[in-house]
C-alpha atoms as a PDB file:
ATOM      1  CA  MET A   1      41.813 -40.110 218.367  1.00  0.00           C
ATOM      2  CA  LYS A   2      43.431 -42.852 220.470  1.00  0.00           C
ATOM      3  CA  HIS A   3      44.693 -44.522 217.313  1.00  0.00           C
ATOM      4  CA  ILE A   4      46.302 -41.313 216.087  1.00  0.00           C
ATOM      5  CA  SER A   5      48.010 -40.734 219.455  1.00  0.00           C
ATOM      6  CA  PHE A   6      49.308 -44.304 219.429  1.00  0.00           C
ATOM      7  CA  LEU A   7      50.605 -43.942 215.867  1.00  0.00           C
ATOM      8  CA  VAL A   8      52.405 -40.690 216.728  1.00  0.00           C
ATOM      9  CA  ALA A   9      53.991 -42.335 219.797  1.00  0.00           C
ATOM     10  CA  VAL A  10      55.204 -45.290 217.707  1.00  0.00           C
ATOM     11  CA  LEU A  11      56.690 -42.986 215.083  1.00  0.00           C
ATOM     12  CA  LEU A  12      58.501 -40.903 217.695  1.00  0.00           C
ATOM     13  CA  VAL A  13      59.963 -44.001 219.332  1.00  0.00           C
ATOM     14  CA  GLY A  14      61.024 -45.239 215.894  1.00  0.00           C
ATOM     15  CA  CYS A  15      63.006 -42.035 215.334  1.00  0.00           C
ATOM     16  CA  SER A  16      64.807 -42.104 218.671  1.00  0.00           C
ATOM     17  CA  SER A  17      68.341 -43.392 219.038  1.00  0.00           C
ATOM     18  CA  SER A  18      68.913 -46.797 220.621  1.00  0.00           C
ATOM     19  CA  TRP A  19      72.258 -45.836 222.188  1.00  0.00           C
ATOM     20  CA  SER A  20      73.771 -42.480 222.991  1.00  0.00           C
ATOM     21  CA  ASP A  21      76.609 -41.096 225.065  1.00  0.00           C
ATOM     22  CA  GLY A  22      77.403 -37.398 224.803  1.00  0.00           C
ATOM     23  CA  PRO A  23      77.457 -36.404 221.121  1.00  0.00           C
ATOM     24  CA  TYR A  24      77.584 -40.048 219.965  1.00  0.00           C
ATOM     25  CA  GLU A  25      74.346 -41.745 218.901  1.00  0.00           C
ATOM     26  CA  VAL A  26      73.143 -44.737 216.957  1.00  0.00           C
ATOM     27  CA  TYR A  27      70.869 -43.597 214.136  1.00  0.00           C
ATOM     28  CA  TRP A  28      69.237 -45.041 211.013  1.00  0.00           C
ATOM     29  CA  ILE A  29      69.273 -43.662 207.476  1.00  0.00           C
ATOM     30  CA  ASP A  30      67.697 -45.633 204.630  1.00  0.00           C
ATOM     31  CA  GLY A  31      67.691 -48.804 206.733  1.00  0.00           C
ATOM     32  CA  VAL A  32      71.386 -48.582 207.634  1.00  0.00           C
ATOM     33  CA  LYS A  33      72.209 -48.380 211.333  1.00  0.00           C
ATOM     34  CA  SER A  34      75.268 -46.257 212.148  1.00  0.00           C
ATOM     35  CA  LEU A  35      77.133 -44.893 215.131  1.00  0.00           C
ATOM     36  CA  GLY A  36      77.722 -41.212 214.544  1.00  0.00           C
ATOM     37  CA  PHE A  37      78.616 -37.852 216.003  1.00  0.00           C
ATOM     38  CA  ASN A  38      75.517 -35.694 216.485  1.00  0.00           C
ATOM     39  CA  VAL A  39      76.209 -32.170 215.223  1.00  0.00           C
ATOM     40  CA  GLY A  40      72.683 -30.946 215.985  1.00  0.00           C
ATOM     41  CA  ASP A  41      69.422 -30.387 214.130  1.00  0.00           C
ATOM     42  CA  GLY A  42      69.157 -34.106 213.301  1.00  0.00           C
ATOM     43  CA  ALA A  43      72.502 -34.150 211.456  1.00  0.00           C
ATOM     44  CA  TYR A  44      75.169 -36.780 212.119  1.00  0.00           C
ATOM     45  CA  ILE A  45      78.698 -37.468 210.976  1.00  0.00           C
ATOM     46  CA  GLY A  46      79.053 -41.226 210.568  1.00  0.00           C
ATOM     47  CA  ARG A  47      81.710 -43.087 212.479  1.00  0.00           C
ATOM     48  CA  ILE A  48      80.993 -46.855 212.221  1.00  0.00           C
ATOM     49  CA  ASP A  49      78.226 -48.614 210.266  1.00  0.00           C
ATOM     50  CA  GLU A  50      76.115 -51.482 211.603  1.00  0.00           C
ATOM     51  CA  PRO A  51      77.163 -51.447 215.276  1.00  0.00           C
ATOM     52  CA  MET A  52      76.000 -54.545 217.151  1.00  0.00           C
ATOM     53  CA  SER A  53      77.476 -53.849 220.595  1.00  0.00           C
ATOM     54  CA  ILE A  54      78.763 -50.558 222.032  1.00  0.00           C
ATOM     55  CA  ASN A  55      80.228 -49.526 225.363  1.00  0.00           C
ATOM     56  CA  ALA A  56      81.936 -46.301 226.378  1.00  0.00           C
ATOM     57  CA  ASN A  57      84.053 -44.707 229.057  1.00  0.00           C
ATOM     58  CA  GLU A  58      85.448 -41.177 229.291  1.00  0.00           C
ATOM     59  CA  LYS A  59      88.304 -41.826 226.844  1.00  0.00           C
ATOM     60  CA  PHE A  60      87.107 -44.513 224.434  1.00  0.00           C
ATOM     61  CA  ILE A  61      84.127 -46.129 222.737  1.00  0.00           C
ATOM     62  CA  SER A  62      84.390 -49.859 222.012  1.00  0.00           C
ATOM     63  CA  VAL A  63      82.286 -51.184 219.143  1.00  0.00           C
ATOM     64  CA  TYR A  64      81.567 -54.605 217.686  1.00  0.00           C
ATOM     65  CA  ALA A  65      80.157 -53.934 214.215  1.00  0.00           C
ATOM     66  CA  CYS A  66      79.271 -55.766 211.035  1.00  0.00           C
ATOM     67  CA  PRO A  67      79.541 -53.309 208.138  1.00  0.00           C
ATOM     68  CA  GLU A  68      78.970 -55.050 204.805  1.00  0.00           C
ATOM     69  CA  GLN A  69      78.441 -58.378 206.673  1.00  0.00           C
ATOM     70  CA  SER A  70      82.077 -58.394 207.824  1.00  0.00           C
ATOM     71  CA  CYS A  71      82.076 -58.377 211.639  1.00  0.00           C
ATOM     72  CA  ALA A  72      85.013 -56.975 213.597  1.00  0.00           C
ATOM     73  CA  TYR A  73      85.993 -54.885 216.615  1.00  0.00           C
ATOM     74  CA  TYR A  74      86.700 -51.151 216.578  1.00  0.00           C
ATOM     75  CA  TYR A  75      87.382 -48.365 219.023  1.00  0.00           C
ATOM     76  CA  ILE A  76      87.034 -44.600 218.926  1.00  0.00           C
ATOM     77  CA  ASP A  77      89.449 -42.312 220.749  1.00  0.00           C
ATOM     78  CA  ARG A  78      87.027 -39.718 222.112  1.00  0.00           C
ATOM     79  CA  GLU A  79      89.794 -37.282 223.036  1.00  0.00           C
ATOM     80  CA  LYS A  80      90.918 -36.979 219.397  1.00  0.00           C
ATOM     81  CA  ASP A  81      87.417 -36.882 217.898  1.00  0.00           C
ATOM     82  CA  HIS A  82      85.516 -33.716 217.036  1.00  0.00           C
ATOM     83  CA  LYS A  83      83.035 -32.832 214.337  1.00  0.00           C
ATOM     84  CA  PHE A  84      85.706 -31.548 211.942  1.00  0.00           C
ATOM     85  CA  ALA A  85      88.149 -34.447 212.411  1.00  0.00           C
ATOM     86  CA  ASP A  86      88.925 -37.070 209.773  1.00  0.00           C
ATOM     87  CA  ALA A  87      87.764 -40.506 210.988  1.00  0.00           C
ATOM     88  CA  THR A  88      91.184 -42.028 210.253  1.00  0.00           C
ATOM     89  CA  GLU A  89      92.570 -39.925 213.114  1.00  0.00           C
ATOM     90  CA  PHE A  90      90.457 -41.529 215.855  1.00  0.00           C
ATOM     91  CA  VAL A  91      88.537 -44.613 214.594  1.00  0.00           C
ATOM     92  CA  PHE A  92      90.721 -47.708 214.889  1.00  0.00           C
ATOM     93  CA  GLY A  93      90.001 -51.145 213.488  1.00  0.00           C
ATOM     94  CA  PRO A  94      88.942 -53.567 212.245  1.00  0.00           C
ATOM     95  CA  TYR A  95      90.442 -55.963 214.795  1.00  0.00           C
ATOM     96  CA  THR A  96      89.962 -59.646 215.491  1.00  0.00           C
ATOM     97  CA  LYS A  97      88.601 -60.561 218.911  1.00  0.00           C
ATOM     98  CA  GLU A  98      92.051 -61.704 220.046  1.00  0.00           C
ATOM     99  CA  SER A  99      93.724 -58.447 218.981  1.00  0.00           C
ATOM    100  CA  PHE A 100      90.942 -56.372 220.491  1.00  0.00           C
ATOM    101  CA  VAL A 101      91.176 -58.128 223.875  1.00  0.00           C
ATOM    102  CA  LYS A 102      94.898 -57.290 223.976  1.00  0.00           C
ATOM    103  CA  LEU A 103      94.121 -53.643 223.175  1.00  0.00           C
ATOM    104  CA  GLN A 104      91.403 -53.585 225.846  1.00  0.00           C
ATOM    105  CA  LYS A 105      93.944 -54.527 228.483  1.00  0.00           C
ATOM    106  CA  LYS A 106      96.636 -52.169 227.184  1.00  0.00           C
ATOM    107  CA  LEU A 107      94.448 -49.072 226.657  1.00  0.00           C
ATOM    108  CA  ILE A 108      91.728 -49.845 229.231  1.00  0.00           C
ATOM    109  CA  LEU A 109      89.026 -49.920 226.554  1.00  0.00           C
ATOM    110  CA  PRO A 110      85.428 -50.511 227.669  1.00  0.00           C
ATOM    111  CA  GLU A 111      84.381 -54.168 227.619  1.00  0.00           C
ATOM    112  CA  LEU A 112      81.772 -55.332 225.132  1.00  0.00           C
ATOM    113  CA  ASN A 113      78.861 -57.682 225.777  1.00  0.00           C
ATOM    114  CA  GLU A 114      78.224 -59.833 222.742  1.00  0.00           C
END
């Protein structure tokens, strides 16, 4: 019985998100890690694949991600995002580190820890 309880606990932890802030969560589908918008009942709308570092404030989410092994910086404008929005309206990037640092200062984007 102890082994079954342990196995259930491991499986539940494996299904939990590693980062979340409001409706945004990191989730896995078929081995691909994504940052997405949680619309409820375990459903997500993808925003950025393969996030490596994420930080958020009230207005923005900063993301360092490596989709398709091409690493770059992105940000999400939370005020423009909603579950029916087109990602091109509020997901910006990819940016180089230099360009992203300039945007961080200009827009007051959250800092990322790499």
